Amino acid sequence: MTYRLYGRRQTGSMVVEAALAISGADWAMETVAWPQTPGELASLERINPRGQVPILIHPDGTVISEGPAILLHLADAFPDAGLAPPPGGSARAWHDRWLAFFHANVYEAMLRELFPDRYSTDPMGALAVQEAATAYVRRHFLIFEAEASRRSATGFFCGPTPTVLDLYVWMLCFWLDAVWLEQSCPLLFAHWQSMRAQDALAPIEAAHFG
């Protein structure tokens, strides 16, 4: 049975593609262009009422949207891939806390950076929205830089192999100012470089940012 992923370049589907590739799941990609007409948007909204990607269709037809829900489903469905610590333990609780932290705070704020006009009814307000979003993103990266520096895990955030939290942070770093990241969050910059060296992720990076 095959999963079907609806996504597009330089969106949150990047991390789902990475998780699917590592999981060993059987999956197929459906590239969805930015909706240009009300009809195209309505077609996408019939699958996900928010009209957003990524959307993962389970082999049984169940629609899964929202990045953490998709990623944690794949982690639990393919436990041998090591995409998350085992359920029920404190390591999994830590992992899921910070995955939710990045999705709820950083991912949404990055949308405000990229598309500030969507977040203000004032045509003159977009720049202020963008500047506030940049400060918000950086504040939250600094919070996690401090948290990660206190961890004793070696290799990646939760141990010797990447989890979906590692994958999520790897993706978000592509939308950051790399100079700021290296100077202000050296641990997370080093992590990003380590993730970029993973053979399984190289073609996904090339597809989204090549």
C-alpha atoms as a PDB file:
ATOM      1  CA  MET A   1       0.000   0.000   0.000  1.00  0.00           C
ATOM      2  CA  THR A   2       1.249   3.458  -0.969  1.00  0.00           C
ATOM      3  CA  TYR A   3       1.217   6.791   0.828  1.00  0.00           C
ATOM      4  CA  ARG A   4       0.493   9.831  -1.334  1.00  0.00           C
ATOM      5  CA  LEU A   5       2.079  13.176  -0.483  1.00  0.00           C
ATOM      6  CA  TYR A   6       0.710  16.459  -1.777  1.00  0.00           C
ATOM      7  CA  GLY A   7       3.409  19.119  -1.665  1.00  0.00           C
ATOM      8  CA  ARG A   8       5.448  21.669  -3.517  1.00  0.00           C
ATOM      9  CA  ARG A   9       8.949  23.085  -3.594  1.00  0.00           C
ATOM     10  CA  GLN A  10      10.196  25.149  -0.632  1.00  0.00           C
ATOM     11  CA  THR A  11       7.277  24.343   1.637  1.00  0.00           C
ATOM     12  CA  GLY A  12       6.760  22.176   4.691  1.00  0.00           C
ATOM     13  CA  SER A  13       6.467  19.149   2.439  1.00  0.00           C
ATOM     14  CA  MET A  14      10.288  19.125   2.401  1.00  0.00           C
ATOM     15  CA  VAL A  15      10.524  17.587   5.865  1.00  0.00           C
ATOM     16  CA  VAL A  16       7.799  15.041   5.104  1.00  0.00           C
ATOM     17  CA  GLU A  17       9.677  13.937   1.995  1.00  0.00           C
ATOM     18  CA  ALA A  18      12.757  13.467   4.161  1.00  0.00           C
ATOM     19  CA  ALA A  19      10.873  11.418   6.748  1.00  0.00           C
ATOM     20  CA  LEU A  20       9.278   9.259   4.065  1.00  0.00           C
ATOM     21  CA  ALA A  21      12.652   8.647   2.445  1.00  0.00           C
ATOM     22  CA  ILE A  22      14.225   7.574   5.741  1.00  0.00           C
ATOM     23  CA  SER A  23      11.239   5.517   6.883  1.00  0.00           C
ATOM     24  CA  GLY A  24      11.363   3.164   3.917  1.00  0.00           C
ATOM     25  CA  ALA A  25       7.663   3.708   3.259  1.00  0.00           C
ATOM     26  CA  ASP A  26       6.186   3.148  -0.174  1.00  0.00           C
ATOM     27  CA  TRP A  27       5.075   6.591  -1.298  1.00  0.00           C
ATOM     28  CA  ALA A  28       4.350   8.766  -4.298  1.00  0.00           C
ATOM     29  CA  MET A  29       4.553  12.520  -4.742  1.00  0.00           C
ATOM     30  CA  GLU A  30       1.759  14.717  -6.076  1.00  0.00           C
ATOM     31  CA  THR A  31       3.228  18.138  -6.857  1.00  0.00           C
ATOM     32  CA  VAL A  32       0.616  20.833  -6.261  1.00  0.00           C
ATOM     33  CA  ALA A  33       1.221  24.225  -7.867  1.00  0.00           C
ATOM     34  CA  TRP A  34       0.293  27.405  -6.011  1.00  0.00           C
ATOM     35  CA  PRO A  35      -3.459  27.819  -6.617  1.00  0.00           C
ATOM     36  CA  GLN A  36      -3.956  30.537  -9.230  1.00  0.00           C
ATOM     37  CA  THR A  37      -7.735  30.499  -9.449  1.00  0.00           C
ATOM     38  CA  PRO A  38     -10.621  30.061  -6.997  1.00  0.00           C
ATOM     39  CA  GLY A  39     -11.312  26.712  -8.641  1.00  0.00           C
ATOM     40  CA  GLU A  40      -7.777  25.460  -8.034  1.00  0.00           C
ATOM     41  CA  LEU A  41      -7.927  26.567  -4.404  1.00  0.00           C
ATOM     42  CA  ALA A  42     -11.328  24.904  -3.944  1.00  0.00           C
ATOM     43  CA  SER A  43      -9.917  21.676  -5.334  1.00  0.00           C
ATOM     44  CA  LEU A  44      -7.142  21.687  -2.745  1.00  0.00           C
ATOM     45  CA  GLU A  45      -9.532  22.692   0.051  1.00  0.00           C
ATOM     46  CA  ARG A  46     -11.601  19.602  -0.650  1.00  0.00           C
ATOM     47  CA  ILE A  47      -8.614  17.615   0.613  1.00  0.00           C
ATOM     48  CA  ASN A  48      -7.424  20.024   3.322  1.00  0.00           C
ATOM     49  CA  PRO A  49      -9.871  22.814   4.269  1.00  0.00           C
ATOM     50  CA  ARG A  50      -6.913  25.112   4.987  1.00  0.00           C
ATOM     51  CA  GLY A  51      -5.783  24.820   1.384  1.00  0.00           C
ATOM     52  CA  GLN A  52      -2.228  24.146   2.480  1.00  0.00           C
ATOM     53  CA  VAL A  53       0.430  21.531   1.874  1.00  0.00           C
ATOM     54  CA  PRO A  54       1.858  19.169   3.004  1.00  0.00           C
ATOM     55  CA  ILE A  55      -0.964  16.670   2.990  1.00  0.00           C
ATOM     56  CA  LEU A  56      -0.266  12.972   3.439  1.00  0.00           C
ATOM     57  CA  ILE A  57      -2.873  10.446   2.339  1.00  0.00           C
ATOM     58  CA  HIS A  58      -2.633   7.228   4.329  1.00  0.00           C
ATOM     59  CA  PRO A  59      -2.872   4.011   2.311  1.00  0.00           C
ATOM     60  CA  ASP A  60      -6.373   3.515   3.749  1.00  0.00           C
ATOM     61  CA  GLY A  61      -7.444   6.960   2.477  1.00  0.00           C
ATOM     62  CA  THR A  62      -7.183   8.871   5.756  1.00  0.00           C
ATOM     63  CA  VAL A  63      -6.079  12.489   5.247  1.00  0.00           C
ATOM     64  CA  ILE A  64      -3.256  13.658   7.526  1.00  0.00           C
ATOM     65  CA  SER A  65      -2.357  17.350   7.583  1.00  0.00           C
ATOM     66  CA  GLU A  66      -0.238  19.488   9.939  1.00  0.00           C
ATOM     67  CA  GLY A  67       3.469  18.738   9.957  1.00  0.00           C
ATOM     68  CA  PRO A  68       3.891  17.231  13.443  1.00  0.00           C
ATOM     69  CA  ALA A  69       0.892  14.930  12.975  1.00  0.00           C
ATOM     70  CA  ILE A  70       2.330  13.626   9.713  1.00  0.00           C
ATOM     71  CA  LEU A  71       5.836  13.224  11.087  1.00  0.00           C
ATOM     72  CA  LEU A  72       4.844  11.507  14.324  1.00  0.00           C
ATOM     73  CA  HIS A  73       2.541   9.173  12.420  1.00  0.00           C
ATOM     74  CA  LEU A  74       5.462   8.104  10.233  1.00  0.00           C
ATOM     75  CA  ALA A  75       7.726   7.726  13.265  1.00  0.00           C
ATOM     76  CA  ASP A  76       5.225   5.395  14.936  1.00  0.00           C
ATOM     77  CA  ALA A  77       4.273   3.527  11.764  1.00  0.00           C
ATOM     78  CA  PHE A  78       7.924   2.764  10.933  1.00  0.00           C
ATOM     79  CA  PRO A  79       9.632   2.371  14.335  1.00  0.00           C
ATOM     80  CA  ASP A  80      12.698   0.634  12.914  1.00  0.00           C
ATOM     81  CA  ALA A  81      13.661   3.886  11.162  1.00  0.00           C
ATOM     82  CA  GLY A  82      14.279   5.561  14.524  1.00  0.00           C
ATOM     83  CA  LEU A  83      12.417   8.740  13.578  1.00  0.00           C
ATOM     84  CA  ALA A  84      11.400   9.388  17.197  1.00  0.00           C
ATOM     85  CA  PRO A  85      12.166   7.916  20.619  1.00  0.00           C
ATOM     86  CA  PRO A  86       9.784   5.129  21.693  1.00  0.00           C
ATOM     87  CA  PRO A  87       6.359   6.372  22.883  1.00  0.00           C
ATOM     88  CA  GLY A  88       5.744   6.748  26.590  1.00  0.00           C
ATOM     89  CA  GLY A  89       9.210   7.712  27.770  1.00  0.00           C
ATOM     90  CA  SER A  90      10.682  11.035  28.814  1.00  0.00           C
ATOM     91  CA  ALA A  91      12.884  11.184  25.710  1.00  0.00           C
ATOM     92  CA  ARG A  92       9.779  11.045  23.535  1.00  0.00           C
ATOM     93  CA  ALA A  93       8.093  13.714  25.656  1.00  0.00           C
ATOM     94  CA  TRP A  94      11.132  16.003  25.218  1.00  0.00           C
ATOM     95  CA  HIS A  95      11.233  15.311  21.489  1.00  0.00           C
ATOM     96  CA  ASP A  96       7.537  16.003  20.951  1.00  0.00           C
ATOM     97  CA  ARG A  97       7.630  19.164  23.062  1.00  0.00           C
ATOM     98  CA  TRP A  98      10.276  20.744  20.869  1.00  0.00           C
ATOM     99  CA  LEU A  99       8.762  19.520  17.616  1.00  0.00           C
ATOM    100  CA  ALA A 100       5.529  21.268  18.644  1.00  0.00           C
ATOM    101  CA  PHE A 101       7.554  24.322  19.731  1.00  0.00           C
ATOM    102  CA  PHE A 102       9.089  24.732  16.283  1.00  0.00           C
ATOM    103  CA  HIS A 103       5.859  24.096  14.408  1.00  0.00           C
ATOM    104  CA  ALA A 104       3.677  26.393  16.515  1.00  0.00           C
ATOM    105  CA  ASN A 105       6.175  29.219  16.859  1.00  0.00           C
ATOM    106  CA  VAL A 106       8.920  29.203  14.250  1.00  0.00           C
ATOM    107  CA  TYR A 107       7.170  27.739  11.204  1.00  0.00           C
ATOM    108  CA  GLU A 108       4.219  30.095  11.540  1.00  0.00           C
ATOM    109  CA  ALA A 109       6.476  33.088  12.140  1.00  0.00           C
ATOM    110  CA  MET A 110       8.493  32.223   9.057  1.00  0.00           C
ATOM    111  CA  LEU A 111       5.283  32.417   7.055  1.00  0.00           C
ATOM    112  CA  ARG A 112       4.841  35.934   8.420  1.00  0.00           C
ATOM    113  CA  GLU A 113       8.378  36.753   7.283  1.00  0.00           C
ATOM    114  CA  LEU A 114       7.845  35.383   3.788  1.00  0.00           C
ATOM    115  CA  PHE A 115       4.277  36.585   3.242  1.00  0.00           C
ATOM    116  CA  PRO A 116       3.798  39.592   5.561  1.00  0.00           C
ATOM    117  CA  ASP A 117       0.989  41.079   3.452  1.00  0.00           C
ATOM    118  CA  ARG A 118      -1.210  38.125   4.438  1.00  0.00           C
ATOM    119  CA  TYR A 119      -0.992  39.130   8.086  1.00  0.00           C
ATOM    120  CA  SER A 120      -2.062  42.772   7.953  1.00  0.00           C
ATOM    121  CA  THR A 121      -5.067  44.592   6.550  1.00  0.00           C
ATOM    122  CA  ASP A 122      -2.922  47.725   6.361  1.00  0.00           C
ATOM    123  CA  PRO A 123      -1.062  47.906   3.017  1.00  0.00           C
ATOM    124  CA  MET A 124       1.659  49.898   4.796  1.00  0.00           C
ATOM    125  CA  GLY A 125       1.971  47.396   7.636  1.00  0.00           C
ATOM    126  CA  ALA A 126       3.743  44.532   5.874  1.00  0.00           C
ATOM    127  CA  LEU A 127       7.270  45.675   6.713  1.00  0.00           C
ATOM    128  CA  ALA A 128       6.495  45.938  10.423  1.00  0.00           C
ATOM    129  CA  VAL A 129       4.930  42.470  10.365  1.00  0.00           C
ATOM    130  CA  GLN A 130       8.022  41.086   8.649  1.00  0.00           C
ATOM    131  CA  GLU A 131      10.476  42.720  11.046  1.00  0.00           C
ATOM    132  CA  ALA A 132       8.559  41.507  14.089  1.00  0.00           C
ATOM    133  CA  ALA A 133       8.439  37.995  12.647  1.00  0.00           C
ATOM    134  CA  THR A 134      12.193  37.933  12.089  1.00  0.00           C
ATOM    135  CA  ALA A 135      12.806  38.923  15.701  1.00  0.00           C
ATOM    136  CA  TYR A 136      10.313  36.286  16.861  1.00  0.00           C
ATOM    137  CA  VAL A 137      11.977  33.518  14.838  1.00  0.00           C
ATOM    138  CA  ARG A 138      15.417  34.410  16.131  1.00  0.00           C
ATOM    139  CA  ARG A 139      14.231  34.570  19.742  1.00  0.00           C
ATOM    140  CA  HIS A 140      12.894  31.023  19.496  1.00  0.00           C
ATOM    141  CA  PHE A 141      16.029  29.684  17.847  1.00  0.00           C
ATOM    142  CA  LEU A 142      18.040  31.159  20.715  1.00  0.00           C
ATOM    143  CA  ILE A 143      15.738  29.454  23.214  1.00  0.00           C
ATOM    144  CA  PHE A 144      16.369  26.086  21.589  1.00  0.00           C
ATOM    145  CA  GLU A 145      20.113  26.757  21.202  1.00  0.00           C
ATOM    146  CA  ALA A 146      20.263  27.089  25.000  1.00  0.00           C
ATOM    147  CA  GLU A 147      18.137  23.975  25.492  1.00  0.00           C
ATOM    148  CA  ALA A 148      20.160  21.852  23.080  1.00  0.00           C
ATOM    149  CA  SER A 149      23.424  22.954  24.707  1.00  0.00           C
ATOM    150  CA  ARG A 150      22.241  21.351  27.967  1.00  0.00           C
ATOM    151  CA  ARG A 151      21.520  17.988  26.325  1.00  0.00           C
ATOM    152  CA  SER A 152      23.911  15.096  26.793  1.00  0.00           C
ATOM    153  CA  ALA A 153      22.841  13.318  23.597  1.00  0.00           C
ATOM    154  CA  THR A 154      25.631  12.673  21.143  1.00  0.00           C
ATOM    155  CA  GLY A 155      25.248  12.995  17.406  1.00  0.00           C
ATOM    156  CA  PHE A 156      21.732  14.376  16.999  1.00  0.00           C
ATOM    157  CA  PHE A 157      19.146  15.842  19.351  1.00  0.00           C
ATOM    158  CA  CYS A 158      17.967  12.515  20.757  1.00  0.00           C
ATOM    159  CA  GLY A 159      20.878  10.195  20.062  1.00  0.00           C
ATOM    160  CA  PRO A 160      23.033   8.760  17.292  1.00  0.00           C
ATOM    161  CA  THR A 161      20.446   8.908  14.485  1.00  0.00           C
ATOM    162  CA  PRO A 162      18.235  11.757  13.219  1.00  0.00           C
ATOM    163  CA  THR A 163      14.644  12.018  14.398  1.00  0.00           C
ATOM    164  CA  VAL A 164      11.849  14.039  12.845  1.00  0.00           C
ATOM    165  CA  LEU A 165      12.817  16.870  15.216  1.00  0.00           C
ATOM    166  CA  ASP A 166      16.261  16.907  13.621  1.00  0.00           C
ATOM    167  CA  LEU A 167      14.640  16.896  10.199  1.00  0.00           C
ATOM    168  CA  TYR A 168      12.286  19.733  11.098  1.00  0.00           C
ATOM    169  CA  VAL A 169      15.075  21.998  12.364  1.00  0.00           C
ATOM    170  CA  TRP A 170      17.176  21.096   9.291  1.00  0.00           C
ATOM    171  CA  MET A 171      14.348  22.315   7.055  1.00  0.00           C
ATOM    172  CA  LEU A 172      13.730  25.538   8.970  1.00  0.00           C
ATOM    173  CA  CYS A 173      17.386  26.514   8.804  1.00  0.00           C
ATOM    174  CA  PHE A 174      17.114  26.973   5.044  1.00  0.00           C
ATOM    175  CA  TRP A 175      14.819  29.952   5.650  1.00  0.00           C
ATOM    176  CA  LEU A 176      17.165  31.574   8.164  1.00  0.00           C
ATOM    177  CA  ASP A 177      19.975  34.038   7.552  1.00  0.00           C
ATOM    178  CA  ALA A 178      22.908  31.579   7.598  1.00  0.00           C
ATOM    179  CA  VAL A 179      25.364  34.216   8.848  1.00  0.00           C
ATOM    180  CA  TRP A 180      23.111  35.046  11.797  1.00  0.00           C
ATOM    181  CA  LEU A 181      22.635  31.331  12.541  1.00  0.00           C
ATOM    182  CA  GLU A 182      26.372  30.615  12.539  1.00  0.00           C
ATOM    183  CA  GLN A 183      27.175  33.587  14.746  1.00  0.00           C
ATOM    184  CA  SER A 184      24.250  33.392  17.160  1.00  0.00           C
ATOM    185  CA  CYS A 185      23.450  29.665  17.301  1.00  0.00           C
ATOM    186  CA  PRO A 186      26.711  27.822  16.616  1.00  0.00           C
ATOM    187  CA  LEU A 187      25.389  24.517  17.936  1.00  0.00           C
ATOM    188  CA  LEU A 188      22.356  24.617  15.654  1.00  0.00           C
ATOM    189  CA  PHE A 189      24.478  25.783  12.728  1.00  0.00           C
ATOM    190  CA  ALA A 190      26.783  22.792  13.235  1.00  0.00           C
ATOM    191  CA  HIS A 191      23.733  20.530  13.465  1.00  0.00           C
ATOM    192  CA  TRP A 192      22.402  21.937  10.197  1.00  0.00           C
ATOM    193  CA  GLN A 193      25.698  21.255   8.466  1.00  0.00           C
ATOM    194  CA  SER A 194      25.751  17.721   9.855  1.00  0.00           C
ATOM    195  CA  MET A 195      22.242  17.124   8.539  1.00  0.00           C
ATOM    196  CA  ARG A 196      23.165  18.517   5.140  1.00  0.00           C
ATOM    197  CA  ALA A 197      25.928  15.909   4.967  1.00  0.00           C
ATOM    198  CA  GLN A 198      23.410  13.043   5.270  1.00  0.00           C
ATOM    199  CA  ASP A 199      23.281  11.148   1.970  1.00  0.00           C
ATOM    200  CA  ALA A 200      19.528  10.547   2.209  1.00  0.00           C
ATOM    201  CA  LEU A 201      18.813  14.278   2.508  1.00  0.00           C
ATOM    202  CA  ALA A 202      21.034  15.599  -0.279  1.00  0.00           C
ATOM    203  CA  PRO A 203      18.562  14.968  -3.146  1.00  0.00           C
ATOM    204  CA  ILE A 204      15.733  16.511  -1.130  1.00  0.00           C
ATOM    205  CA  GLU A 205      17.779  19.636  -0.461  1.00  0.00           C
ATOM    206  CA  ALA A 206      18.644  19.832  -4.160  1.00  0.00           C
ATOM    207  CA  ALA A 207      14.982  19.499  -5.147  1.00  0.00           C
ATOM    208  CA  HIS A 208      13.878  22.304  -2.816  1.00  0.00           C
ATOM    209  CA  PHE A 209      16.834  24.665  -2.694  1.00  0.00           C
ATOM    210  CA  GLY A 210      19.105  23.613  -5.551  1.00  0.00           C
END
